[in-house]
Amino acid sequence: MSAEPKRIAVLGSSGSIGRSTLDVLRRWPQRFRVQALAGCSSWQLLREQILEFHPAAVAVADVDAARMLRNSLDSSVRVEIVDGPSAARTLMERDDIDLVVNGLVGSLGLVPTLVALERGCTVAIANKEPIVVAGELVMEAARRGRGELLPLDSELSAIHQCLGGNTGRSVKRVILTASGGPFRSLHASEIASVTPEDALKHPTWAMGPKITVDSATLMNKGLEILETRWYFDLPYDRIDVVVHPQSLVHSLVEFVDHSVMAQISEPDMRLPIQYALTYPERLPGGVAALDLVRAGTLTFEDPDPERFPCLRLAREAGRAAGMAPTVLNAANEVAVEAFLRREIGFSQIPEIIEDCLSLDAGSHEPTLENFEHADGFTRAQARRAVESRVGRTQTTGHAT
């Protein structure tokens, strides 16, 4: 155990990943110090976190929320507050941070991730989008800055644990598990009529709205396929997906001798978070132990491509490379937001993504400027696709 605690920055500290991370950190005050926090507009929760953890700096994307946060703090509270859209990036330029937990929603986490890796920080990423949108840039930043990248996704963390340092020729394939979401057994003809309330009823995980809808469409698994390709340098034909409704087997690795390693635990994000924070050590967990007898039968099945076309679209975008994964992600974010606002139906999410993938988003050269251009271009096109569908299938106040 080192004499000094590891200094942690938590980006997205007001979200579900951020709160779970802080829950882990408060169990080990001698090992970790919360050095910095970042949020968007939830200034009341940020205030509570400042008073509990005493970070040196806090980033707030919303300028008005930052003003209210400053006004709410007593003058005796010593904390630097930076604000504005680039506040999280500014936070990553500090030289007093050892490890960054990136729980920012969507592609907002890309630039802070690049800055932290360039500085040589370890970055544990919970959101899939930075690597999906610009995997080549992220991995190059890690190589150039000698920063370490660790996955916080339960499935990617499981693969990391199962590999145990084995990569390359010894690995035959990795198998990502999916719960199947709330519509796993729903007939294909019923998919179009589901509501946001239906989609947000995840059978096993408690997550934010966007990722919960991604789980319902299986886009979350499509994004994990793209993540896995970059994290573990595996071709797409060695990355498989199976539906596992019990959500106890978080992923598996099959080696060339056909031995299969699986990581199995209760579905609790605090476990992969703690694994990343303490890696390569393991500490006693704050989550329930798995009771195999109580767990009973574990089942696996193939995902239904008819009901879950997002899985196919993600593979197609990955194989197309260039800007296609950026387009996939941006179109999905816009479509999911529109579905949650009841502007489109559930089955129109993959329609809008497919429409956008058919367009030319510009240069394929992997630069930050080109990724940002493709992202902005796609969002504009996706919003037009949403607008063209608004009202077409509205009935009794619900998008169907």
Protein backbone atom coordinates (compact mmCIF):
# COMPACT_ATOMS: atom_id res chain seq x y z
CA MET A 1 0.00 0.00 0.00
CA SER A 2 1.43 3.38 -1.06
CA ALA A 3 1.95 6.12 1.53
CA GLU A 4 -0.12 8.63 -0.43
CA PRO A 5 -3.72 7.98 -1.52
CA LYS A 6 -4.44 7.73 -5.22
CA ARG A 7 -5.97 11.00 -6.47
CA ILE A 8 -9.22 10.44 -8.36
CA ALA A 9 -11.25 12.64 -10.70
CA VAL A 10 -14.87 11.60 -11.24
CA LEU A 11 -16.43 12.96 -14.44
CA GLY A 12 -20.20 12.76 -14.34
CA SER A 13 -20.26 12.52 -10.55
CA SER A 14 -24.00 13.20 -10.36
CA GLY A 15 -24.89 10.29 -12.67
CA SER A 16 -25.37 6.64 -11.76
CA ILE A 17 -21.74 5.68 -12.51
CA GLY A 18 -20.42 8.71 -10.66
CA ARG A 19 -22.51 8.00 -7.58
CA SER A 20 -21.49 4.34 -7.59
CA THR A 21 -17.84 5.37 -7.90
CA LEU A 22 -18.13 7.70 -4.92
CA ASP A 23 -19.80 4.90 -2.99
CA VAL A 24 -16.72 2.74 -3.59
CA LEU A 25 -14.31 5.58 -2.78
CA ARG A 26 -15.92 6.41 0.55
CA ARG A 27 -15.17 2.85 1.70
CA TRP A 28 -11.40 3.36 1.21
CA PRO A 29 -10.48 6.88 2.41
CA GLN A 30 -6.90 5.83 3.16
CA ARG A 31 -6.33 4.56 -0.38
CA PHE A 32 -8.16 7.19 -2.44
CA ARG A 33 -8.69 10.92 -2.43
CA VAL A 34 -11.46 12.56 -4.48
CA GLN A 35 -9.38 15.26 -6.11
CA ALA A 36 -11.86 16.56 -8.70
CA LEU A 37 -15.50 16.25 -9.72
CA ALA A 38 -17.35 17.18 -12.90
CA GLY A 39 -21.04 17.50 -13.61
CA CYS A 40 -23.47 19.30 -15.88
CA SER A 41 -26.31 21.05 -14.08
CA SER A 42 -27.12 19.15 -10.85
CA TRP A 43 -25.50 21.79 -8.63
CA GLN A 44 -27.33 20.73 -5.44
CA LEU A 45 -25.88 17.21 -5.64
CA LEU A 46 -22.46 18.61 -6.52
CA ARG A 47 -22.70 20.80 -3.43
CA GLU A 48 -23.37 17.74 -1.26
CA GLN A 49 -20.42 15.92 -2.84
CA ILE A 50 -18.10 18.90 -2.30
CA LEU A 51 -19.03 19.09 1.37
CA GLU A 52 -18.46 15.36 1.85
CA PHE A 53 -15.32 14.72 -0.22
CA HIS A 54 -13.61 18.16 -0.26
CA PRO A 55 -12.24 18.04 -3.85
CA ALA A 56 -9.66 20.57 -4.96
CA ALA A 57 -11.59 21.40 -8.14
CA VAL A 58 -15.05 20.99 -9.65
CA ALA A 59 -16.12 21.44 -13.28
CA VAL A 60 -19.71 22.44 -14.12
CA ALA A 61 -20.77 22.52 -17.77
CA ASP A 62 -23.84 24.66 -17.16
CA VAL A 63 -22.75 28.23 -16.39
CA ASP A 64 -25.95 29.11 -14.49
CA ALA A 65 -25.65 25.97 -12.37
CA ALA A 66 -22.03 26.88 -11.60
CA ARG A 67 -23.11 30.33 -10.44
CA MET A 68 -25.75 28.85 -8.13
CA LEU A 69 -23.19 26.36 -6.81
CA ARG A 70 -20.70 29.14 -6.00
CA ASN A 71 -23.38 31.19 -4.27
CA SER A 72 -24.47 28.20 -2.17
CA LEU A 73 -21.02 27.53 -0.69
CA ASP A 74 -19.69 29.15 2.42
CA SER A 75 -16.50 31.16 1.99
CA SER A 76 -14.69 28.64 4.19
CA VAL A 77 -15.12 25.93 1.53
CA ARG A 78 -11.92 25.91 -0.51
CA VAL A 79 -12.63 24.56 -3.99
CA GLU A 80 -11.85 25.82 -7.48
CA ILE A 81 -14.97 25.85 -9.70
CA VAL A 82 -14.54 26.01 -13.48
CA ASP A 83 -17.53 26.29 -15.77
CA GLY A 84 -18.63 26.14 -19.37
CA PRO A 85 -18.80 23.47 -22.10
CA SER A 86 -15.03 22.82 -21.91
CA ALA A 87 -14.85 22.72 -18.10
CA ALA A 88 -14.22 18.95 -17.94
CA ARG A 89 -11.37 19.33 -20.42
CA THR A 90 -9.86 22.10 -18.27
CA LEU A 91 -10.07 19.79 -15.26
CA MET A 92 -8.09 17.11 -17.13
CA GLU A 93 -5.19 19.53 -17.63
CA ARG A 94 -4.45 19.53 -13.89
CA ASP A 95 -1.26 17.76 -12.78
CA ASP A 96 -2.67 16.51 -9.46
CA ILE A 97 -4.85 13.68 -10.82
CA ASP A 98 -3.71 10.04 -10.99
CA LEU A 99 -6.85 8.27 -12.24
CA VAL A 100 -9.94 9.53 -14.05
CA VAL A 101 -13.32 7.81 -13.89
CA ASN A 102 -15.18 8.99 -16.99
CA GLY A 103 -18.92 8.59 -16.48
CA LEU A 104 -20.00 11.45 -18.76
CA VAL A 105 -22.99 10.58 -20.92
CA GLY A 106 -22.58 10.22 -24.67
CA SER A 107 -19.70 11.62 -26.71
CA LEU A 108 -19.09 14.45 -24.20
CA GLY A 109 -16.38 12.31 -22.64
CA LEU A 110 -14.17 12.12 -25.74
CA VAL A 111 -12.03 15.25 -25.43
CA PRO A 112 -11.47 14.94 -21.64
CA THR A 113 -10.40 11.33 -22.22
CA LEU A 114 -7.89 12.36 -24.90
CA VAL A 115 -6.43 15.13 -22.70
CA ALA A 116 -6.08 12.84 -19.67
CA LEU A 117 -4.42 10.04 -21.65
CA GLU A 118 -2.01 12.50 -23.31
CA ARG A 119 -0.94 13.53 -19.80
CA GLY A 120 -0.26 9.91 -18.85
CA CYS A 121 -3.27 9.45 -16.56
CA THR A 122 -5.07 6.17 -16.10
CA VAL A 123 -8.61 6.56 -17.46
CA ALA A 124 -11.41 4.20 -16.51
CA ILE A 125 -14.23 4.69 -19.01
CA ALA A 126 -17.82 3.79 -18.19
CA ASN A 127 -19.43 5.32 -21.26
CA LYS A 128 -18.87 3.55 -24.54
CA GLU A 129 -18.99 6.55 -26.82
CA PRO A 130 -15.41 7.97 -26.72
CA ILE A 131 -13.94 4.70 -28.00
CA VAL A 132 -16.86 4.04 -30.37
CA VAL A 133 -16.67 7.54 -31.86
CA ALA A 134 -12.89 7.80 -32.12
CA GLY A 135 -11.24 4.56 -31.08
CA GLU A 136 -8.14 5.18 -33.17
CA LEU A 137 -7.58 8.59 -31.60
CA VAL A 138 -8.13 7.30 -28.06
CA MET A 139 -5.72 4.40 -28.43
CA GLU A 140 -3.12 6.63 -30.08
CA ALA A 141 -3.43 9.17 -27.23
CA ALA A 142 -2.87 6.36 -24.73
CA ARG A 143 0.23 5.18 -26.60
CA ARG A 144 1.64 8.67 -27.02
CA GLY A 145 1.06 9.79 -23.44
CA ARG A 146 1.64 6.33 -21.95
CA GLY A 147 -1.71 6.59 -20.20
CA GLU A 148 -3.54 3.43 -19.27
CA LEU A 149 -7.10 2.71 -20.37
CA LEU A 150 -9.36 0.53 -18.24
CA PRO A 151 -12.97 -0.46 -19.03
CA LEU A 152 -15.77 0.15 -16.53
CA ASP A 153 -18.49 -1.52 -18.59
CA SER A 154 -19.32 -4.72 -16.72
CA GLU A 155 -18.92 -6.73 -19.94
CA LEU A 156 -15.60 -5.18 -20.99
CA SER A 157 -14.31 -5.39 -17.43
CA ALA A 158 -15.25 -9.08 -17.45
CA ILE A 159 -13.22 -9.65 -20.62
CA HIS A 160 -10.26 -7.80 -19.09
CA GLN A 161 -10.45 -10.05 -16.03
CA CYS A 162 -10.85 -13.27 -18.03
CA LEU A 163 -7.95 -12.53 -20.36
CA GLY A 164 -5.51 -12.29 -17.46
CA GLY A 165 -2.86 -10.92 -19.79
CA ASN A 166 -3.54 -13.47 -22.55
CA THR A 167 -4.08 -11.82 -25.91
CA GLY A 168 -3.44 -12.35 -29.58
CA ARG A 169 -3.14 -15.88 -30.90
CA SER A 170 -4.18 -17.57 -27.66
CA VAL A 171 -7.68 -16.04 -27.85
CA LYS A 172 -10.18 -17.67 -30.18
CA ARG A 173 -13.06 -15.27 -29.48
CA VAL A 174 -14.76 -13.16 -26.82
CA ILE A 175 -18.44 -13.51 -26.02
CA LEU A 176 -20.36 -10.49 -24.79
CA THR A 177 -23.50 -11.23 -22.82
CA ALA A 178 -26.72 -9.22 -23.11
CA SER A 179 -29.69 -9.34 -20.78
CA GLY A 180 -31.99 -8.98 -23.77
CA GLY A 181 -33.63 -5.99 -22.13
CA PRO A 182 -37.35 -5.71 -21.38
CA PHE A 183 -38.42 -6.86 -24.85
CA ARG A 184 -36.46 -10.11 -25.11
CA SER A 185 -39.61 -12.25 -25.34
CA LEU A 186 -41.86 -9.66 -27.01
CA HIS A 187 -43.16 -10.65 -30.45
CA ALA A 188 -41.67 -8.61 -33.30
CA SER A 189 -45.12 -7.29 -34.22
CA GLU A 190 -45.48 -5.72 -30.76
CA ILE A 191 -42.17 -3.86 -30.75
CA ALA A 192 -43.52 -0.81 -32.60
CA SER A 193 -46.09 -0.05 -29.89
CA VAL A 194 -43.82 0.04 -26.84
CA THR A 195 -43.58 3.29 -24.86
CA PRO A 196 -40.64 5.00 -23.14
CA GLU A 197 -42.00 3.72 -19.82
CA ASP A 198 -41.86 0.16 -21.18
CA ALA A 199 -38.29 0.61 -22.46
CA LEU A 200 -37.05 2.02 -19.14
CA LYS A 201 -38.10 -1.08 -17.18
CA HIS A 202 -34.79 -2.94 -17.38
CA PRO A 203 -35.07 -6.42 -15.86
CA THR A 204 -31.77 -6.42 -13.95
CA TRP A 205 -29.75 -3.17 -14.11
CA ALA A 206 -30.58 0.29 -12.72
CA MET A 207 -29.10 2.75 -15.24
CA GLY A 208 -29.67 6.16 -16.80
CA PRO A 209 -32.44 6.61 -19.42
CA LYS A 210 -30.21 6.66 -22.51
CA ILE A 211 -28.26 3.50 -21.76
CA THR A 212 -31.45 1.74 -20.62
CA VAL A 213 -33.06 2.41 -24.00
CA ASP A 214 -29.82 1.24 -25.67
CA SER A 215 -30.18 -1.98 -23.71
CA ALA A 216 -33.76 -2.34 -24.95
CA THR A 217 -32.69 -1.92 -28.61
CA LEU A 218 -29.48 -3.94 -28.03
CA MET A 219 -27.51 -0.97 -29.35
CA ASN A 220 -25.56 -1.08 -26.08
CA LYS A 221 -24.23 -4.46 -27.17
CA GLY A 222 -23.47 -3.14 -30.65
CA LEU A 223 -21.43 -0.32 -29.11
CA GLU A 224 -19.63 -2.86 -26.92
CA ILE A 225 -18.65 -4.82 -30.04
CA LEU A 226 -16.96 -1.66 -31.35
CA GLU A 227 -15.36 -1.01 -27.95
CA THR A 228 -14.04 -4.56 -27.74
CA ARG A 229 -12.38 -4.26 -31.13
CA TRP A 230 -10.29 -1.29 -29.87
CA TYR A 231 -9.72 -2.29 -26.25
CA PHE A 232 -8.48 -5.78 -27.05
CA ASP A 233 -7.36 -5.43 -30.69
CA LEU A 234 -9.63 -8.21 -31.95
CA PRO A 235 -11.27 -8.46 -35.39
CA TYR A 236 -15.06 -8.32 -35.50
CA ASP A 237 -15.41 -11.96 -36.54
CA ARG A 238 -13.94 -12.95 -33.14
CA ILE A 239 -16.48 -10.95 -31.13
CA ASP A 240 -19.82 -12.66 -30.48
CA VAL A 241 -22.96 -11.78 -28.52
CA VAL A 242 -25.31 -14.08 -26.61
CA VAL A 243 -28.43 -13.20 -24.65
CA HIS A 244 -28.17 -14.18 -20.99
CA PRO A 245 -31.32 -13.04 -19.14
CA GLN A 246 -29.99 -13.69 -15.63
CA SER A 247 -27.18 -11.10 -16.07
CA LEU A 248 -24.80 -13.05 -13.83
CA VAL A 249 -22.24 -14.09 -16.47
CA HIS A 250 -20.89 -10.73 -17.59
CA SER A 251 -18.79 -11.98 -20.51
CA LEU A 252 -16.66 -14.92 -21.55
CA VAL A 253 -13.38 -15.57 -23.35
CA GLU A 254 -12.79 -18.70 -25.40
CA PHE A 255 -9.15 -19.65 -25.96
CA VAL A 256 -7.74 -21.60 -28.89
CA ASP A 257 -7.74 -24.82 -26.85
CA HIS A 258 -11.53 -24.29 -26.38
CA SER A 259 -11.19 -23.53 -22.70
CA VAL A 260 -13.74 -20.87 -21.78
CA MET A 261 -13.25 -18.39 -18.94
CA ALA A 262 -16.28 -16.53 -17.57
CA GLN A 263 -16.55 -13.70 -15.06
CA ILE A 264 -19.62 -14.26 -12.89
CA SER A 265 -20.98 -11.96 -10.17
CA GLU A 266 -24.10 -10.19 -9.00
CA PRO A 267 -25.11 -7.35 -11.38
CA ASP A 268 -23.65 -4.42 -9.45
CA MET A 269 -21.55 -1.74 -11.15
CA ARG A 270 -19.56 -1.16 -7.97
CA LEU A 271 -17.61 -4.37 -8.65
CA PRO A 272 -16.10 -3.38 -12.05
CA ILE A 273 -15.59 0.15 -10.71
CA GLN A 274 -13.61 -1.13 -7.74
CA TYR A 275 -11.65 -3.51 -9.99
CA ALA A 276 -10.56 -0.56 -12.15
CA LEU A 277 -9.74 1.68 -9.18
CA THR A 278 -7.56 -0.94 -7.47
CA TYR A 279 -6.13 -2.80 -10.51
CA PRO A 280 -3.96 -4.88 -10.46
CA GLU A 281 -4.87 -5.44 -6.79
CA ARG A 282 -8.20 -6.79 -5.57
CA LEU A 283 -9.81 -5.57 -2.36
CA PRO A 284 -12.71 -7.02 -0.39
CA GLY A 285 -15.86 -6.03 -2.25
CA GLY A 286 -18.79 -4.00 -1.01
CA VAL A 287 -21.24 -6.05 -3.08
CA ALA A 288 -23.17 -9.21 -2.28
CA ALA A 289 -21.42 -12.54 -2.84
CA LEU A 290 -22.84 -14.70 -5.61
CA ASP A 291 -24.91 -17.64 -4.34
CA LEU A 292 -24.78 -20.21 -7.15
CA VAL A 293 -27.48 -22.39 -5.60
CA ARG A 294 -29.87 -19.47 -5.33
CA ALA A 295 -28.95 -18.34 -8.84
CA GLY A 296 -30.14 -21.67 -10.21
CA THR A 297 -30.24 -22.23 -13.96
CA LEU A 298 -28.23 -19.98 -16.27
CA THR A 299 -29.54 -19.75 -19.83
CA PHE A 300 -28.12 -18.44 -23.10
CA GLU A 301 -29.70 -17.77 -26.49
CA ASP A 302 -28.92 -16.06 -29.79
CA PRO A 303 -30.15 -12.47 -30.19
CA ASP A 304 -33.06 -12.10 -32.63
CA PRO A 305 -31.84 -9.98 -35.59
CA GLU A 306 -35.40 -9.14 -36.64
CA ARG A 307 -36.32 -7.57 -33.31
CA PHE A 308 -32.87 -6.09 -32.66
CA PRO A 309 -31.55 -4.60 -35.96
CA CYS A 310 -29.27 -2.20 -34.05
CA LEU A 311 -26.86 -5.07 -33.46
CA ARG A 312 -26.49 -5.57 -37.23
CA LEU A 313 -26.13 -1.82 -37.83
CA ALA A 314 -23.30 -1.60 -35.29
CA ARG A 315 -21.38 -4.45 -36.93
CA GLU A 316 -21.84 -2.85 -40.36
CA ALA A 317 -20.59 0.49 -39.06
CA GLY A 318 -17.58 -1.16 -37.44
CA ARG A 319 -16.60 -2.97 -40.61
CA ALA A 320 -17.11 0.18 -42.71
CA ALA A 321 -14.71 2.01 -40.31
CA GLY A 322 -13.85 5.64 -41.05
CA MET A 323 -16.61 7.92 -39.80
CA ALA A 324 -19.29 5.21 -39.77
CA PRO A 325 -19.04 4.44 -36.01
CA THR A 326 -19.25 8.19 -35.27
CA VAL A 327 -22.35 8.42 -37.45
CA LEU A 328 -23.86 5.36 -35.77
CA ASN A 329 -23.38 6.85 -32.30
CA ALA A 330 -24.60 10.36 -33.13
CA ALA A 331 -27.70 9.12 -34.94
CA ASN A 332 -28.49 6.76 -32.09
CA GLU A 333 -28.20 9.52 -29.47
CA VAL A 334 -30.56 11.80 -31.38
CA ALA A 335 -33.05 9.00 -32.07
CA VAL A 336 -33.09 7.81 -28.45
CA GLU A 337 -33.66 11.36 -27.21
CA ALA A 338 -36.55 11.73 -29.68
CA PHE A 339 -38.07 8.44 -28.53
CA LEU A 340 -37.86 9.49 -24.88
CA ARG A 341 -39.64 12.75 -25.85
CA ARG A 342 -42.34 10.64 -27.59
CA GLU A 343 -41.57 12.20 -30.98
CA ILE A 344 -40.88 8.85 -32.65
CA GLY A 345 -41.68 5.22 -31.99
CA PHE A 346 -39.28 2.61 -30.65
CA SER A 347 -38.94 0.80 -33.99
CA GLN A 348 -38.05 4.08 -35.69
CA ILE A 349 -34.78 4.34 -33.74
CA PRO A 350 -32.94 1.87 -36.01
CA GLU A 351 -34.67 3.38 -39.07
CA ILE A 352 -33.12 6.78 -38.36
CA ILE A 353 -29.70 5.24 -37.68
CA GLU A 354 -29.81 3.34 -40.97
CA ASP A 355 -30.85 6.50 -42.86
CA CYS A 356 -27.84 8.36 -41.46
CA LEU A 357 -25.40 5.53 -42.17
CA SER A 358 -26.35 5.74 -45.84
CA LEU A 359 -25.13 9.37 -46.04
CA ASP A 360 -21.59 10.62 -46.69
CA ALA A 361 -20.38 12.28 -43.48
CA GLY A 362 -17.19 13.67 -45.04
CA SER A 363 -13.48 12.84 -44.82
CA HIS A 364 -12.51 9.48 -43.31
CA GLU A 365 -9.12 10.67 -42.07
CA PRO A 366 -9.04 9.99 -38.29
CA THR A 367 -8.64 13.50 -36.87
CA LEU A 368 -10.56 15.10 -34.03
CA GLU A 369 -11.84 17.78 -36.40
CA ASN A 370 -13.21 15.18 -38.81
CA PHE A 371 -14.85 13.21 -36.02
CA GLU A 372 -16.45 16.39 -34.68
CA HIS A 373 -17.63 17.35 -38.19
CA ALA A 374 -19.15 13.91 -38.77
CA ASP A 375 -20.82 14.04 -35.36
CA GLY A 376 -22.37 17.46 -35.97
CA PHE A 377 -23.39 16.65 -39.54
CA THR A 378 -25.05 13.41 -38.46
CA ARG A 379 -26.95 15.01 -35.59
CA ALA A 380 -28.41 17.58 -37.98
CA GLN A 381 -29.43 14.85 -40.44
CA ALA A 382 -30.87 12.71 -37.67
CA ARG A 383 -32.96 15.61 -36.36
CA ARG A 384 -34.36 16.11 -39.86
CA ALA A 385 -35.18 12.40 -40.00
CA VAL A 386 -36.95 12.72 -36.64
CA GLU A 387 -38.92 15.77 -37.80
CA SER A 388 -40.04 13.93 -40.93
CA ARG A 389 -41.52 11.19 -38.74
CA VAL A 390 -43.09 13.29 -35.97
CA GLY A 391 -46.86 12.80 -35.95
CA ARG A 392 -46.86 9.91 -38.38
CA THR A 393 -47.48 7.28 -35.74
CA GLN A 394 -48.71 9.30 -32.76
CA THR A 395 -51.74 7.82 -31.04
CA THR A 396 -53.31 8.84 -27.72
CA GLY A 397 -50.28 10.90 -26.83
CA HIS A 398 -47.76 8.07 -27.29
CA ALA A 399 -45.30 7.44 -30.10
CA THR A 400 -45.99 3.94 -31.38
